Amino acid sequence: MKKIGVLALQGAVSEHLNAISLAGALAVPVKHPDQLRDLDGLILPGGESTTMRRLMKKYDLFETIQVFAKSGKGIFGTCAGLVLTARKIDGNDDETLDLIDTVVIRNGFGRQKDSFEAAIEIEGIESGPFPAVFIRAPYIASVGENVEILASIDNKYVAARQGKILVTAFHPELTGDNRLLELFIASL
């Protein structure tokens, strides 16, 4: 059984833990670096990326997550997790984990009142469109040559993969549809 952690500092933690369990994997909340040791993958949940970055630094998780990913372990970043894993945040000098060769736009789809849901086609996901929930969502403005675009909406990239790093601008954990999570687990 795969063991998947969820960074449990801030954001949609319980929703991810529940989705992991429903997908048939062992779900583990992660708050300390030593908890990464025996995981197969890690989810960086939606939330507030600046707050999450500060807490990751405070609890010595920032560099530990970089080492975890560089060792070949999988990372799934959703919404704020997409921002944290990017190479660069457009118009911002905040440090990122630099795990996927992307440039992202924070809150690219607008403020809280601009949140929306959309049925989108995702490369590698069968059985129809995916019900994506966008909440103050970022989007991917550009990608490096080794990044595979998995989905876009309104000519904005909203899902991508590079090696074992998977990112989405939306919140799959809020939908009850585990196909993306199952895709991630299968890649580990």
C-alpha atoms as a PDB file:
ATOM      1  CA  MET A   1       0.000   0.000   0.000  1.00  0.00           C
ATOM      2  CA  LYS A   2       1.353   3.433  -0.957  1.00  0.00           C
ATOM      3  CA  LYS A   3       1.908   5.890   1.874  1.00  0.00           C
ATOM      4  CA  ILE A   4       0.986   9.460   0.925  1.00  0.00           C
ATOM      5  CA  GLY A   5       1.602  12.453   3.152  1.00  0.00           C
ATOM      6  CA  VAL A   6      -0.243  15.757   3.188  1.00  0.00           C
ATOM      7  CA  LEU A   7       1.618  18.857   4.308  1.00  0.00           C
ATOM      8  CA  ALA A   8      -0.508  19.670   7.365  1.00  0.00           C
ATOM      9  CA  LEU A   9       0.531  23.226   8.179  1.00  0.00           C
ATOM     10  CA  GLN A  10      -2.389  25.121   6.636  1.00  0.00           C
ATOM     11  CA  GLY A  11      -5.041  24.641   3.971  1.00  0.00           C
ATOM     12  CA  ALA A  12      -7.237  21.781   2.733  1.00  0.00           C
ATOM     13  CA  VAL A  13      -5.543  19.039   4.778  1.00  0.00           C
ATOM     14  CA  SER A  14      -8.466  16.899   6.009  1.00  0.00           C
ATOM     15  CA  GLU A  15     -10.059  16.830   2.541  1.00  0.00           C
ATOM     16  CA  HIS A  16      -6.835  15.449   1.034  1.00  0.00           C
ATOM     17  CA  LEU A  17      -6.372  12.903   3.832  1.00  0.00           C
ATOM     18  CA  ASN A  18      -9.919  11.651   3.244  1.00  0.00           C
ATOM     19  CA  ALA A  19      -9.419  11.452  -0.548  1.00  0.00           C
ATOM     20  CA  ILE A  20      -6.172   9.487  -0.110  1.00  0.00           C
ATOM     21  CA  SER A  21      -7.924   6.962   2.129  1.00  0.00           C
ATOM     22  CA  LEU A  22     -10.776   6.615  -0.373  1.00  0.00           C
ATOM     23  CA  ALA A  23      -8.196   5.995  -3.126  1.00  0.00           C
ATOM     24  CA  GLY A  24      -6.880   3.010  -1.156  1.00  0.00           C
ATOM     25  CA  ALA A  25      -3.599   4.500   0.082  1.00  0.00           C
ATOM     26  CA  LEU A  26      -2.377   5.219   3.594  1.00  0.00           C
ATOM     27  CA  ALA A  27      -2.864   8.922   4.439  1.00  0.00           C
ATOM     28  CA  VAL A  28      -0.412  10.666   6.778  1.00  0.00           C
ATOM     29  CA  PRO A  29      -0.498  14.301   7.974  1.00  0.00           C
ATOM     30  CA  VAL A  30       3.022  15.805   7.768  1.00  0.00           C
ATOM     31  CA  LYS A  31       4.156  18.533  10.163  1.00  0.00           C
ATOM     32  CA  HIS A  32       7.813  17.623  10.767  1.00  0.00           C
ATOM     33  CA  PRO A  33      10.729  16.748   8.446  1.00  0.00           C
ATOM     34  CA  ASP A  34      11.231  13.240   9.859  1.00  0.00           C
ATOM     35  CA  GLN A  35       7.684  12.327   8.792  1.00  0.00           C
ATOM     36  CA  LEU A  36       8.769  12.461   5.125  1.00  0.00           C
ATOM     37  CA  ARG A  37      11.233   9.612   5.573  1.00  0.00           C
ATOM     38  CA  ASP A  38       9.045   6.649   4.632  1.00  0.00           C
ATOM     39  CA  LEU A  39       6.493   8.300   2.347  1.00  0.00           C
ATOM     40  CA  ASP A  40       5.959   7.394  -1.313  1.00  0.00           C
ATOM     41  CA  GLY A  41       4.499  10.808  -2.148  1.00  0.00           C
ATOM     42  CA  LEU A  42       3.501  14.144  -0.662  1.00  0.00           C
ATOM     43  CA  ILE A  43       0.594  16.484  -1.358  1.00  0.00           C
ATOM     44  CA  LEU A  44       1.078  20.229  -0.974  1.00  0.00           C
ATOM     45  CA  PRO A  45      -2.533  21.363  -0.489  1.00  0.00           C
ATOM     46  CA  GLY A  46      -4.376  24.500  -1.404  1.00  0.00           C
ATOM     47  CA  GLY A  47      -4.322  27.295   1.136  1.00  0.00           C
ATOM     48  CA  GLU A  48      -2.324  30.508   1.271  1.00  0.00           C
ATOM     49  CA  SER A  49       1.084  30.046  -0.334  1.00  0.00           C
ATOM     50  CA  THR A  50       2.852  32.850   1.566  1.00  0.00           C
ATOM     51  CA  THR A  51       1.681  31.477   4.929  1.00  0.00           C
ATOM     52  CA  MET A  52       2.582  27.930   3.917  1.00  0.00           C
ATOM     53  CA  ARG A  53       6.076  29.018   2.793  1.00  0.00           C
ATOM     54  CA  ARG A  54       6.700  30.776   6.134  1.00  0.00           C
ATOM     55  CA  LEU A  55       5.554  27.739   8.101  1.00  0.00           C
ATOM     56  CA  MET A  56       7.625  25.374   5.940  1.00  0.00           C
ATOM     57  CA  LYS A  57      10.692  27.491   6.714  1.00  0.00           C
ATOM     58  CA  LYS A  58       9.843  27.719  10.429  1.00  0.00           C
ATOM     59  CA  TYR A  59       9.508  23.926  10.764  1.00  0.00           C
ATOM     60  CA  ASP A  60      12.534  23.086   8.576  1.00  0.00           C
ATOM     61  CA  LEU A  61      10.363  21.534   5.885  1.00  0.00           C
ATOM     62  CA  PHE A  62      11.318  23.737   2.925  1.00  0.00           C
ATOM     63  CA  GLU A  63      14.706  22.209   2.113  1.00  0.00           C
ATOM     64  CA  THR A  64      13.569  18.773   3.316  1.00  0.00           C
ATOM     65  CA  ILE A  65      10.758  18.763   0.742  1.00  0.00           C
ATOM     66  CA  GLN A  66      13.232  19.788  -1.971  1.00  0.00           C
ATOM     67  CA  VAL A  67      15.495  16.854  -1.030  1.00  0.00           C
ATOM     68  CA  PHE A  68      12.440  14.541  -0.890  1.00  0.00           C
ATOM     69  CA  ALA A  69      11.469  15.494  -4.459  1.00  0.00           C
ATOM     70  CA  LYS A  70      15.038  15.337  -5.783  1.00  0.00           C
ATOM     71  CA  SER A  71      15.331  11.789  -4.385  1.00  0.00           C
ATOM     72  CA  GLY A  72      12.645  10.729  -6.880  1.00  0.00           C
ATOM     73  CA  LYS A  73       9.608  10.886  -4.622  1.00  0.00           C
ATOM     74  CA  GLY A  74       6.318  12.238  -5.964  1.00  0.00           C
ATOM     75  CA  ILE A  75       4.814  15.627  -5.133  1.00  0.00           C
ATOM     76  CA  PHE A  76       1.247  16.683  -5.965  1.00  0.00           C
ATOM     77  CA  GLY A  77       0.713  20.440  -5.573  1.00  0.00           C
ATOM     78  CA  THR A  78      -2.835  21.787  -5.684  1.00  0.00           C
ATOM     79  CA  CYS A  79      -3.625  25.522  -5.933  1.00  0.00           C
ATOM     80  CA  ALA A  80      -1.173  27.036  -3.396  1.00  0.00           C
ATOM     81  CA  GLY A  81       0.873  23.850  -3.845  1.00  0.00           C
ATOM     82  CA  LEU A  82       1.169  24.700  -7.552  1.00  0.00           C
ATOM     83  CA  VAL A  83       2.541  28.128  -6.587  1.00  0.00           C
ATOM     84  CA  LEU A  84       5.023  26.663  -4.088  1.00  0.00           C
ATOM     85  CA  THR A  85       6.416  24.069  -6.523  1.00  0.00           C
ATOM     86  CA  ALA A  86       6.934  26.534  -9.406  1.00  0.00           C
ATOM     87  CA  ARG A  87      10.304  27.743 -10.624  1.00  0.00           C
ATOM     88  CA  LYS A  88       9.065  31.350 -10.402  1.00  0.00           C
ATOM     89  CA  ILE A  89       6.035  33.393  -9.387  1.00  0.00           C
ATOM     90  CA  ASP A  90       5.382  36.065 -12.016  1.00  0.00           C
ATOM     91  CA  GLY A  91       5.922  39.590 -10.689  1.00  0.00           C
ATOM     92  CA  ASN A  92       7.121  38.305  -7.328  1.00  0.00           C
ATOM     93  CA  ASP A  93      10.504  37.441  -5.853  1.00  0.00           C
ATOM     94  CA  ASP A  94       9.189  35.055  -3.188  1.00  0.00           C
ATOM     95  CA  GLU A  95      11.283  31.913  -2.902  1.00  0.00           C
ATOM     96  CA  THR A  96       9.735  28.742  -4.310  1.00  0.00           C
ATOM     97  CA  LEU A  97      10.612  25.063  -4.020  1.00  0.00           C
ATOM     98  CA  ASP A  98      11.595  25.152  -7.728  1.00  0.00           C
ATOM     99  CA  LEU A  99      10.445  21.571  -8.372  1.00  0.00           C
ATOM    100  CA  ILE A 100       8.709  22.051 -11.733  1.00  0.00           C
ATOM    101  CA  ASP A 101       9.819  24.321 -14.572  1.00  0.00           C
ATOM    102  CA  THR A 102       6.839  26.660 -14.530  1.00  0.00           C
ATOM    103  CA  VAL A 103       6.122  30.351 -14.074  1.00  0.00           C
ATOM    104  CA  VAL A 104       2.837  30.909 -12.268  1.00  0.00           C
ATOM    105  CA  ILE A 105       0.436  33.801 -11.737  1.00  0.00           C
ATOM    106  CA  ARG A 106      -0.915  33.903  -8.177  1.00  0.00           C
ATOM    107  CA  ASN A 107      -4.687  34.493  -8.002  1.00  0.00           C
ATOM    108  CA  GLY A 108      -4.597  34.488 -11.811  1.00  0.00           C
ATOM    109  CA  PHE A 109      -8.325  33.892 -12.142  1.00  0.00           C
ATOM    110  CA  GLY A 110      -9.196  36.686  -9.698  1.00  0.00           C
ATOM    111  CA  ARG A 111     -10.238  37.121  -6.103  1.00  0.00           C
ATOM    112  CA  GLN A 112     -12.463  34.949  -3.902  1.00  0.00           C
ATOM    113  CA  LYS A 113     -15.649  36.266  -5.563  1.00  0.00           C
ATOM    114  CA  ASP A 114     -14.288  35.100  -8.937  1.00  0.00           C
ATOM    115  CA  SER A 115     -14.055  31.455  -7.799  1.00  0.00           C
ATOM    116  CA  PHE A 116     -15.815  28.973 -10.093  1.00  0.00           C
ATOM    117  CA  GLU A 117     -16.275  25.353 -11.103  1.00  0.00           C
ATOM    118  CA  ALA A 118     -15.716  23.933 -14.575  1.00  0.00           C
ATOM    119  CA  ALA A 119     -15.753  20.514 -16.220  1.00  0.00           C
ATOM    120  CA  ILE A 120     -12.369  20.162 -17.930  1.00  0.00           C
ATOM    121  CA  GLU A 121     -10.625  17.538 -20.026  1.00  0.00           C
ATOM    122  CA  ILE A 122      -7.380  16.323 -18.469  1.00  0.00           C
ATOM    123  CA  GLU A 123      -4.731  14.424 -20.410  1.00  0.00           C
ATOM    124  CA  GLY A 124      -4.400  10.911 -18.977  1.00  0.00           C
ATOM    125  CA  ILE A 125      -7.805  10.995 -17.246  1.00  0.00           C
ATOM    126  CA  GLU A 126     -10.481   8.871 -18.888  1.00  0.00           C
ATOM    127  CA  SER A 127     -14.236   8.557 -18.371  1.00  0.00           C
ATOM    128  CA  GLY A 128     -15.199  12.140 -19.170  1.00  0.00           C
ATOM    129  CA  PRO A 129     -14.448  15.663 -17.961  1.00  0.00           C
ATOM    130  CA  PHE A 130     -13.090  16.358 -14.493  1.00  0.00           C
ATOM    131  CA  PRO A 131     -15.127  18.615 -12.141  1.00  0.00           C
ATOM    132  CA  ALA A 132     -12.523  21.254 -11.282  1.00  0.00           C
ATOM    133  CA  VAL A 133     -13.061  23.700  -8.399  1.00  0.00           C
ATOM    134  CA  PHE A 134     -11.125  26.976  -8.762  1.00  0.00           C
ATOM    135  CA  ILE A 135     -10.849  29.089  -5.590  1.00  0.00           C
ATOM    136  CA  ARG A 136      -8.704  32.249  -5.927  1.00  0.00           C
ATOM    137  CA  ALA A 137      -6.856  30.026  -8.343  1.00  0.00           C
ATOM    138  CA  PRO A 138      -3.428  30.589  -9.816  1.00  0.00           C
ATOM    139  CA  TYR A 139      -2.539  29.460 -13.302  1.00  0.00           C
ATOM    140  CA  ILE A 140       0.614  28.470 -15.140  1.00  0.00           C
ATOM    141  CA  ALA A 141       1.774  31.248 -17.472  1.00  0.00           C
ATOM    142  CA  SER A 142       4.666  29.361 -19.088  1.00  0.00           C
ATOM    143  CA  VAL A 143       6.451  26.022 -18.916  1.00  0.00           C
ATOM    144  CA  GLY A 144       9.877  24.621 -19.700  1.00  0.00           C
ATOM    145  CA  GLU A 145      10.397  22.049 -22.420  1.00  0.00           C
ATOM    146  CA  ASN A 146      10.218  19.045 -20.044  1.00  0.00           C
ATOM    147  CA  VAL A 147       6.822  20.006 -18.611  1.00  0.00           C
ATOM    148  CA  GLU A 148       3.738  18.234 -19.945  1.00  0.00           C
ATOM    149  CA  ILE A 149       0.554  20.348 -20.007  1.00  0.00           C
ATOM    150  CA  LEU A 150      -2.376  18.193 -18.872  1.00  0.00           C
ATOM    151  CA  ALA A 151      -5.230  20.723 -18.946  1.00  0.00           C
ATOM    152  CA  SER A 152      -6.070  24.318 -19.769  1.00  0.00           C
ATOM    153  CA  ILE A 153      -9.065  26.586 -19.499  1.00  0.00           C
ATOM    154  CA  ASP A 154      -9.507  29.933 -21.253  1.00  0.00           C
ATOM    155  CA  ASN A 155      -6.007  29.483 -22.768  1.00  0.00           C
ATOM    156  CA  LYS A 156      -4.506  29.266 -19.266  1.00  0.00           C
ATOM    157  CA  TYR A 157      -2.624  26.134 -18.151  1.00  0.00           C
ATOM    158  CA  VAL A 158      -4.249  24.603 -15.061  1.00  0.00           C
ATOM    159  CA  ALA A 159      -2.639  21.160 -14.751  1.00  0.00           C
ATOM    160  CA  ALA A 160       0.868  19.983 -15.593  1.00  0.00           C
ATOM    161  CA  ARG A 161       3.407  17.287 -14.854  1.00  0.00           C
ATOM    162  CA  GLN A 162       7.195  17.031 -14.917  1.00  0.00           C
ATOM    163  CA  GLY A 163       8.548  13.653 -13.876  1.00  0.00           C
ATOM    164  CA  LYS A 164       6.912  12.771 -10.565  1.00  0.00           C
ATOM    165  CA  ILE A 165       5.760  16.340  -9.880  1.00  0.00           C
ATOM    166  CA  LEU A 166       2.047  16.869 -10.636  1.00  0.00           C
ATOM    167  CA  VAL A 167       0.353  20.254 -10.172  1.00  0.00           C
ATOM    168  CA  THR A 168      -3.161  21.631 -10.534  1.00  0.00           C
ATOM    169  CA  ALA A 169      -4.521  25.173 -10.205  1.00  0.00           C
ATOM    170  CA  PHE A 170      -7.750  23.719  -8.834  1.00  0.00           C
ATOM    171  CA  HIS A 171      -8.856  21.642  -5.831  1.00  0.00           C
ATOM    172  CA  PRO A 172      -9.475  17.996  -6.832  1.00  0.00           C
ATOM    173  CA  GLU A 173      -9.918  17.041  -3.166  1.00  0.00           C
ATOM    174  CA  LEU A 174     -13.195  19.011  -3.032  1.00  0.00           C
ATOM    175  CA  THR A 175     -14.915  17.100  -5.832  1.00  0.00           C
ATOM    176  CA  GLY A 176     -15.308  13.493  -4.709  1.00  0.00           C
ATOM    177  CA  ASP A 177     -13.607  12.517  -8.005  1.00  0.00           C
ATOM    178  CA  ASN A 178     -10.369  10.685  -7.223  1.00  0.00           C
ATOM    179  CA  ARG A 179      -9.121  10.129 -10.785  1.00  0.00           C
ATOM    180  CA  LEU A 180      -6.306  12.719 -10.538  1.00  0.00           C
ATOM    181  CA  LEU A 181      -5.209  11.428  -7.151  1.00  0.00           C
ATOM    182  CA  GLU A 182      -5.236   7.879  -8.534  1.00  0.00           C
ATOM    183  CA  LEU A 183      -3.097   9.073 -11.478  1.00  0.00           C
ATOM    184  CA  PHE A 184      -0.614  10.545  -8.982  1.00  0.00           C
ATOM    185  CA  ILE A 185      -0.531   7.392  -6.817  1.00  0.00           C
ATOM    186  CA  ALA A 186      -0.047   5.188  -9.902  1.00  0.00           C
ATOM    187  CA  SER A 187       3.025   7.258 -10.886  1.00  0.00           C
ATOM    188  CA  LEU A 188       4.799   6.522  -7.577  1.00  0.00           C
END
